[in-house]
Full PDB file with SEQRES, HELIX, SHEET, SSBOND, CRYST1, ORIGX, SCALE, CONECT and MASTER records, all heavy atoms in Angstrom:
SEQRES   1 A   27  LYS THR HIS GLN GLN SER ASN GLY GLY TRP GLY GLU THR          
SEQRES   2 A   27  PRO ARG SER TYR ASP GLU PRO GLU LEU ARG GLY THR GLY          
SEQRES   3 A   27  THR                                                          
HELIX    1 AA1 PRO A   14  TYR A   17  5                                   4    
HELIX    2 AA2 PRO A   20  LEU A   22  5                                   3    
CRYST1    1.000    1.000    1.000  90.00  90.00  90.00 P 1           1          
ORIGX1      1.000000  0.000000  0.000000        0.00000                         
ORIGX2      0.000000  1.000000  0.000000        0.00000                         
ORIGX3      0.000000  0.000000  1.000000        0.00000                         
SCALE1      1.000000  0.000000  0.000000        0.00000                         
SCALE2      0.000000  1.000000  0.000000        0.00000                         
SCALE3      0.000000  0.000000  1.000000        0.00000                         
ATOM      1  N   LYS A   1      66.370 -51.230  64.981  1.00  0.00           N  
ATOM      2  CA  LYS A   1      65.170 -52.005  65.188  1.00  0.00           C  
ATOM      3  C   LYS A   1      64.344 -51.531  66.401  1.00  0.00           C  
ATOM      4  O   LYS A   1      63.123 -51.436  66.369  1.00  0.00           O  
ATOM      5  CB  LYS A   1      65.477 -53.483  65.367  1.00  0.00           C  
ATOM      6  CG  LYS A   1      65.956 -54.160  64.105  1.00  0.00           C  
ATOM      7  CD  LYS A   1      66.207 -55.689  64.400  1.00  0.00           C  
ATOM      8  CE  LYS A   1      66.539 -56.452  63.147  1.00  0.00           C  
ATOM      9  NZ  LYS A   1      66.772 -57.873  63.440  1.00  0.00           N  
ATOM     10  N   THR A   2      65.084 -51.109  67.407  1.00  0.00           N  
ATOM     11  CA  THR A   2      64.425 -50.563  68.622  1.00  0.00           C  
ATOM     12  C   THR A   2      63.609 -49.357  68.314  1.00  0.00           C  
ATOM     13  O   THR A   2      62.574 -49.078  68.954  1.00  0.00           O  
ATOM     14  CB  THR A   2      65.452 -50.315  69.718  1.00  0.00           C  
ATOM     15  OG1 THR A   2      66.161 -51.546  70.035  1.00  0.00           O  
ATOM     16  CG2 THR A   2      64.808 -49.738  70.943  1.00  0.00           C  
ATOM     17  N   HIS A   3      64.061 -48.508  67.338  1.00  0.00           N  
ATOM     18  CA  HIS A   3      63.381 -47.255  67.089  1.00  0.00           C  
ATOM     19  C   HIS A   3      62.435 -47.278  65.902  1.00  0.00           C  
ATOM     20  O   HIS A   3      61.916 -46.234  65.465  1.00  0.00           O  
ATOM     21  CB  HIS A   3      64.441 -46.149  66.862  1.00  0.00           C  
ATOM     22  CG  HIS A   3      65.197 -45.777  68.118  1.00  0.00           C  
ATOM     23  ND1 HIS A   3      66.278 -46.483  68.582  1.00  0.00           N  
ATOM     24  CD2 HIS A   3      64.957 -44.851  69.024  1.00  0.00           C  
ATOM     25  CE1 HIS A   3      66.720 -45.969  69.721  1.00  0.00           C  
ATOM     26  NE2 HIS A   3      65.948 -44.932  70.001  1.00  0.00           N  
ATOM     27  N   GLN A   4      62.142 -48.505  65.422  1.00  0.00           N  
ATOM     28  CA  GLN A   4      61.086 -48.620  64.419  1.00  0.00           C  
ATOM     29  C   GLN A   4      59.724 -48.391  65.068  1.00  0.00           C  
ATOM     30  O   GLN A   4      59.480 -48.827  66.215  1.00  0.00           O  
ATOM     31  CB  GLN A   4      61.145 -50.034  63.812  1.00  0.00           C  
ATOM     32  CG  GLN A   4      60.126 -50.170  62.624  1.00  0.00           C  
ATOM     33  CD  GLN A   4      60.323 -51.572  61.971  1.00  0.00           C  
ATOM     34  OE1 GLN A   4      60.787 -52.492  62.580  1.00  0.00           O  
ATOM     35  NE2 GLN A   4      59.976 -51.624  60.680  1.00  0.00           N  
ATOM     36  N   GLN A   5      58.837 -47.670  64.438  1.00  0.00           N  
ATOM     37  CA  GLN A   5      57.553 -47.308  65.056  1.00  0.00           C  
ATOM     38  C   GLN A   5      56.476 -48.325  64.627  1.00  0.00           C  
ATOM     39  O   GLN A   5      56.673 -49.184  63.737  1.00  0.00           O  
ATOM     40  CB  GLN A   5      57.194 -45.887  64.653  1.00  0.00           C  
ATOM     41  CG  GLN A   5      58.218 -44.893  65.215  1.00  0.00           C  
ATOM     42  CD  GLN A   5      57.780 -43.456  65.078  1.00  0.00           C  
ATOM     43  OE1 GLN A   5      56.610 -43.109  65.142  1.00  0.00           O  
ATOM     44  NE2 GLN A   5      58.758 -42.570  64.937  1.00  0.00           N  
ATOM     45  N   SER A   6      55.331 -48.243  65.209  1.00  0.00           N  
ATOM     46  CA  SER A   6      54.318 -49.260  65.093  1.00  0.00           C  
ATOM     47  C   SER A   6      53.774 -49.410  63.644  1.00  0.00           C  
ATOM     48  O   SER A   6      53.306 -50.451  63.285  1.00  0.00           O  
ATOM     49  CB  SER A   6      53.112 -48.935  66.020  1.00  0.00           C  
ATOM     50  OG  SER A   6      52.557 -47.616  65.722  1.00  0.00           O  
ATOM     51  N   ASN A   7      53.851 -48.345  62.858  1.00  0.00           N  
ATOM     52  CA  ASN A   7      53.409 -48.450  61.459  1.00  0.00           C  
ATOM     53  C   ASN A   7      54.480 -48.975  60.528  1.00  0.00           C  
ATOM     54  O   ASN A   7      54.250 -49.087  59.306  1.00  0.00           O  
ATOM     55  CB  ASN A   7      52.895 -47.089  60.978  1.00  0.00           C  
ATOM     56  CG  ASN A   7      54.025 -46.039  60.930  1.00  0.00           C  
ATOM     57  OD1 ASN A   7      55.181 -46.309  61.260  1.00  0.00           O  
ATOM     58  ND2 ASN A   7      53.674 -44.858  60.491  1.00  0.00           N  
ATOM     59  N   GLY A   8      55.591 -49.343  61.091  1.00  0.00           N  
ATOM     60  CA  GLY A   8      56.660 -49.974  60.270  1.00  0.00           C  
ATOM     61  C   GLY A   8      57.747 -48.964  59.819  1.00  0.00           C  
ATOM     62  O   GLY A   8      58.790 -49.335  59.299  1.00  0.00           O  
ATOM     63  N   GLY A   9      57.512 -47.670  60.047  1.00  0.00           N  
ATOM     64  CA  GLY A   9      58.433 -46.661  59.596  1.00  0.00           C  
ATOM     65  C   GLY A   9      59.391 -46.122  60.645  1.00  0.00           C  
ATOM     66  O   GLY A   9      59.303 -46.566  61.851  1.00  0.00           O  
ATOM     67  N   TRP A  10      60.180 -45.216  60.267  1.00  0.00           N  
ATOM     68  CA  TRP A  10      61.162 -44.534  61.185  1.00  0.00           C  
ATOM     69  C   TRP A  10      61.043 -43.033  61.017  1.00  0.00           C  
ATOM     70  O   TRP A  10      60.702 -42.540  59.907  1.00  0.00           O  
ATOM     71  CB  TRP A  10      62.600 -44.918  60.872  1.00  0.00           C  
ATOM     72  CG  TRP A  10      63.031 -46.261  61.387  1.00  0.00           C  
ATOM     73  CD1 TRP A  10      63.694 -46.520  62.561  1.00  0.00           C  
ATOM     74  CD2 TRP A  10      62.874 -47.557  60.783  1.00  0.00           C  
ATOM     75  NE1 TRP A  10      63.970 -47.870  62.665  1.00  0.00           N  
ATOM     76  CE2 TRP A  10      63.446 -48.501  61.592  1.00  0.00           C  
ATOM     77  CE3 TRP A  10      62.258 -47.950  59.583  1.00  0.00           C  
ATOM     78  CZ2 TRP A  10      63.477 -49.852  61.245  1.00  0.00           C  
ATOM     79  CZ3 TRP A  10      62.263 -49.265  59.229  1.00  0.00           C  
ATOM     80  CH2 TRP A  10      62.907 -50.265  60.060  1.00  0.00           C  
ATOM     81  N   GLY A  11      61.328 -42.306  62.049  1.00  0.00           N  
ATOM     82  CA  GLY A  11      61.282 -40.831  61.988  1.00  0.00           C  
ATOM     83  C   GLY A  11      62.097 -40.248  63.140  1.00  0.00           C  
ATOM     84  O   GLY A  11      62.195 -40.855  64.207  1.00  0.00           O  
ATOM     85  N   GLU A  12      62.679 -39.127  62.895  1.00  0.00           N  
ATOM     86  CA  GLU A  12      63.445 -38.419  63.911  1.00  0.00           C  
ATOM     87  C   GLU A  12      63.335 -36.927  63.758  1.00  0.00           C  
ATOM     88  O   GLU A  12      63.397 -36.383  62.654  1.00  0.00           O  
ATOM     89  CB  GLU A  12      64.896 -38.816  63.852  1.00  0.00           C  
ATOM     90  CG  GLU A  12      65.796 -38.275  64.937  1.00  0.00           C  
ATOM     91  CD  GLU A  12      67.189 -38.786  64.967  1.00  0.00           C  
ATOM     92  OE1 GLU A  12      67.453 -39.752  64.212  1.00  0.00           O  
ATOM     93  OE2 GLU A  12      68.048 -38.288  65.711  1.00  0.00           O  
ATOM     94  N   THR A  13      63.107 -36.255  64.841  1.00  0.00           N  
ATOM     95  CA  THR A  13      62.970 -34.803  64.891  1.00  0.00           C  
ATOM     96  C   THR A  13      64.307 -34.099  64.916  1.00  0.00           C  
ATOM     97  O   THR A  13      65.298 -34.606  65.501  1.00  0.00           O  
ATOM     98  CB  THR A  13      62.118 -34.361  66.125  1.00  0.00           C  
ATOM     99  OG1 THR A  13      62.189 -32.951  66.167  1.00  0.00           O  
ATOM    100  CG2 THR A  13      62.734 -34.906  67.383  1.00  0.00           C  
ATOM    101  N   PRO A  14      64.423 -32.979  64.254  1.00  0.00           N  
ATOM    102  CA  PRO A  14      65.675 -32.158  64.278  1.00  0.00           C  
ATOM    103  C   PRO A  14      65.991 -31.758  65.751  1.00  0.00           C  
ATOM    104  O   PRO A  14      67.136 -31.436  66.058  1.00  0.00           O  
ATOM    105  CB  PRO A  14      65.400 -30.948  63.428  1.00  0.00           C  
ATOM    106  CG  PRO A  14      64.369 -31.373  62.409  1.00  0.00           C  
ATOM    107  CD  PRO A  14      63.491 -32.358  63.272  1.00  0.00           C  
ATOM    108  N   ARG A  15      64.999 -31.829  66.618  1.00  0.00           N  
ATOM    109  CA  ARG A  15      65.196 -31.481  67.997  1.00  0.00           C  
ATOM    110  C   ARG A  15      66.217 -32.367  68.662  1.00  0.00           C  
ATOM    111  O   ARG A  15      66.803 -32.000  69.675  1.00  0.00           O  
ATOM    112  CB  ARG A  15      63.890 -31.555  68.734  1.00  0.00           C  
ATOM    113  CG  ARG A  15      63.902 -30.912  70.151  1.00  0.00           C  
ATOM    114  CD  ARG A  15      64.028 -29.444  70.129  1.00  0.00           C  
ATOM    115  NE  ARG A  15      64.091 -28.845  71.438  1.00  0.00           N  
ATOM    116  CZ  ARG A  15      64.463 -27.590  71.666  1.00  0.00           C  
ATOM    117  NH1 ARG A  15      64.739 -26.786  70.630  1.00  0.00           N  
ATOM    118  NH2 ARG A  15      64.513 -27.097  72.917  1.00  0.00           N  
ATOM    119  N   SER A  16      66.499 -33.515  68.051  1.00  0.00           N  
ATOM    120  CA  SER A  16      67.520 -34.457  68.611  1.00  0.00           C  
ATOM    121  C   SER A  16      68.910 -33.889  68.667  1.00  0.00           C  
ATOM    122  O   SER A  16      69.761 -34.355  69.417  1.00  0.00           O  
ATOM    123  CB  SER A  16      67.483 -35.787  67.854  1.00  0.00           C  
ATOM    124  OG  SER A  16      67.866 -35.642  66.493  1.00  0.00           O  
ATOM    125  N   TYR A  17      69.150 -32.883  67.872  1.00  0.00           N  
ATOM    126  CA  TYR A  17      70.456 -32.179  67.984  1.00  0.00           C  
ATOM    127  C   TYR A  17      70.584 -31.367  69.248  1.00  0.00           C  
ATOM    128  O   TYR A  17      71.679 -31.298  69.849  1.00  0.00           O  
ATOM    129  CB  TYR A  17      70.659 -31.199  66.776  1.00  0.00           C  
ATOM    130  CG  TYR A  17      70.902 -31.900  65.418  1.00  0.00           C  
ATOM    131  CD1 TYR A  17      69.924 -32.017  64.494  1.00  0.00           C  
ATOM    132  CD2 TYR A  17      72.168 -32.367  65.115  1.00  0.00           C  
ATOM    133  CE1 TYR A  17      70.117 -32.660  63.258  1.00  0.00           C  
ATOM    134  CE2 TYR A  17      72.431 -32.961  63.911  1.00  0.00           C  
ATOM    135  CZ  TYR A  17      71.394 -33.117  62.988  1.00  0.00           C  
ATOM    136  OH  TYR A  17      71.699 -33.733  61.783  1.00  0.00           O  
ATOM    137  N   ASP A  18      69.467 -30.817  69.729  1.00  0.00           N  
ATOM    138  CA  ASP A  18      69.495 -30.115  71.004  1.00  0.00           C  
ATOM    139  C   ASP A  18      69.273 -31.004  72.153  1.00  0.00           C  
ATOM    140  O   ASP A  18      69.853 -30.792  73.256  1.00  0.00           O  
ATOM    141  CB  ASP A  18      68.337 -29.056  70.971  1.00  0.00           C  
ATOM    142  CG  ASP A  18      68.520 -28.026  69.861  1.00  0.00           C  
ATOM    143  OD1 ASP A  18      69.280 -27.079  70.121  1.00  0.00           O  
ATOM    144  OD2 ASP A  18      67.863 -28.203  68.837  1.00  0.00           O  
ATOM    145  N   GLU A  19      68.491 -32.088  71.945  1.00  0.00           N  
ATOM    146  CA  GLU A  19      68.180 -33.017  73.031  1.00  0.00           C  
ATOM    147  C   GLU A  19      68.460 -34.438  72.535  1.00  0.00           C  
ATOM    148  O   GLU A  19      67.578 -35.093  72.033  1.00  0.00           O  
ATOM    149  CB  GLU A  19      66.717 -32.888  73.458  1.00  0.00           C  
ATOM    150  CG  GLU A  19      66.346 -31.501  73.899  1.00  0.00           C  
ATOM    151  CD  GLU A  19      64.873 -31.306  74.139  1.00  0.00           C  
ATOM    152  OE1 GLU A  19      64.226 -32.286  74.679  1.00  0.00           O  
ATOM    153  OE2 GLU A  19      64.278 -30.238  73.833  1.00  0.00           O  
ATOM    154  N   PRO A  20      69.695 -34.911  72.734  1.00  0.00           N  
ATOM    155  CA  PRO A  20      70.083 -36.217  72.187  1.00  0.00           C  
ATOM    156  C   PRO A  20      69.208 -37.363  72.700  1.00  0.00           C  
ATOM    157  O   PRO A  20      69.189 -38.408  72.032  1.00  0.00           O  
ATOM    158  CB  PRO A  20      71.538 -36.328  72.666  1.00  0.00           C  
ATOM    159  CG  PRO A  20      72.047 -34.954  72.801  1.00  0.00           C  
ATOM    160  CD  PRO A  20      70.848 -34.195  73.319  1.00  0.00           C  
ATOM    161  N   GLU A  21      68.587 -37.174  73.819  1.00  0.00           N  
ATOM    162  CA  GLU A  21      67.725 -38.250  74.304  1.00  0.00           C  
ATOM    163  C   GLU A  21      66.501 -38.497  73.389  1.00  0.00           C  
ATOM    164  O   GLU A  21      65.853 -39.513  73.524  1.00  0.00           O  
ATOM    165  CB  GLU A  21      67.216 -37.889  75.732  1.00  0.00           C  
ATOM    166  CG  GLU A  21      66.382 -36.639  75.840  1.00  0.00           C  
ATOM    167  CD  GLU A  21      67.149 -35.382  76.087  1.00  0.00           C  
ATOM    168  OE1 GLU A  21      68.371 -35.411  75.827  1.00  0.00           O  
ATOM    169  OE2 GLU A  21      66.552 -34.393  76.511  1.00  0.00           O  
ATOM    170  N   LEU A  22      66.268 -37.557  72.448  1.00  0.00           N  
ATOM    171  CA  LEU A  22      65.176 -37.723  71.478  1.00  0.00           C  
ATOM    172  C   LEU A  22      65.647 -38.496  70.232  1.00  0.00           C  
ATOM    173  O   LEU A  22      64.867 -38.657  69.297  1.00  0.00           O  
ATOM    174  CB  LEU A  22      64.593 -36.407  71.062  1.00  0.00           C  
ATOM    175  CG  LEU A  22      63.899 -35.568  72.204  1.00  0.00           C  
ATOM    176  CD1 LEU A  22      63.464 -34.223  71.645  1.00  0.00           C  
ATOM    177  CD2 LEU A  22      62.733 -36.336  72.777  1.00  0.00           C  
ATOM    178  N   ARG A  23      66.890 -38.942  70.183  1.00  0.00           N  
ATOM    179  CA  ARG A  23      67.442 -39.591  68.993  1.00  0.00           C  
ATOM    180  C   ARG A  23      66.492 -40.737  68.597  1.00  0.00           C  
ATOM    181  O   ARG A  23      66.060 -41.545  69.390  1.00  0.00           O  
ATOM    182  CB  ARG A  23      68.823 -40.057  69.227  1.00  0.00           C  
ATOM    183  CG  ARG A  23      68.960 -41.205  70.245  1.00  0.00           C  
ATOM    184  CD  ARG A  23      70.461 -41.570  70.473  1.00  0.00           C  
ATOM    185  NE  ARG A  23      71.178 -40.461  71.097  1.00  0.00           N  
ATOM    186  CZ  ARG A  23      72.421 -40.529  71.500  1.00  0.00           C  
ATOM    187  NH1 ARG A  23      73.121 -41.610  71.222  1.00  0.00           N  
ATOM    188  NH2 ARG A  23      73.028 -39.551  72.103  1.00  0.00           N  
ATOM    189  N   GLY A  24      66.321 -40.809  67.260  1.00  0.00           N  
ATOM    190  CA  GLY A  24      65.531 -41.907  66.699  1.00  0.00           C  
ATOM    191  C   GLY A  24      64.042 -41.756  66.947  1.00  0.00           C  
ATOM    192  O   GLY A  24      63.284 -42.701  66.606  1.00  0.00           O  
ATOM    193  N   THR A  25      63.528 -40.652  67.414  1.00  0.00           N  
ATOM    194  CA  THR A  25      62.082 -40.468  67.727  1.00  0.00           C  
ATOM    195  C   THR A  25      61.573 -39.232  66.937  1.00  0.00           C  
ATOM    196  O   THR A  25      62.306 -38.274  66.766  1.00  0.00           O  
ATOM    197  CB  THR A  25      61.869 -40.333  69.202  1.00  0.00           C  
ATOM    198  OG1 THR A  25      62.388 -39.049  69.680  1.00  0.00           O  
ATOM    199  CG2 THR A  25      62.423 -41.472  69.975  1.00  0.00           C  
ATOM    200  N   GLY A  26      60.341 -39.298  66.491  1.00  0.00           N  
ATOM    201  CA  GLY A  26      59.751 -38.224  65.786  1.00  0.00           C  
ATOM    202  C   GLY A  26      58.788 -38.777  64.805  1.00  0.00           C  
ATOM    203  O   GLY A  26      58.506 -39.981  64.705  1.00  0.00           O  
ATOM    204  N   THR A  27      58.096 -37.869  64.057  1.00  0.00           N  
ATOM    205  CA  THR A  27      57.163 -38.257  63.068  1.00  0.00           C  
ATOM    206  C   THR A  27      57.762 -39.153  61.986  1.00  0.00           C  
ATOM    207  O   THR A  27      58.857 -38.779  61.486  1.00  0.00           O  
ATOM    208  CB  THR A  27      56.538 -37.024  62.410  1.00  0.00           C  
ATOM    209  OG1 THR A  27      55.928 -36.181  63.404  1.00  0.00           O  
ATOM    210  CG2 THR A  27      55.506 -37.385  61.367  1.00  0.00           C  
TER     211      THR A  27                                                      
MASTER        0    0    0    2    0    0    0    6  210    1    0    3          
END                                                                             
């Protein structure tokens, strides 16, 4: 729920494998 974005969807970048702090974030 915390990582749901303003348009109602979810997205995560593959960059989160290199930078775990990006988990749950992305287009």
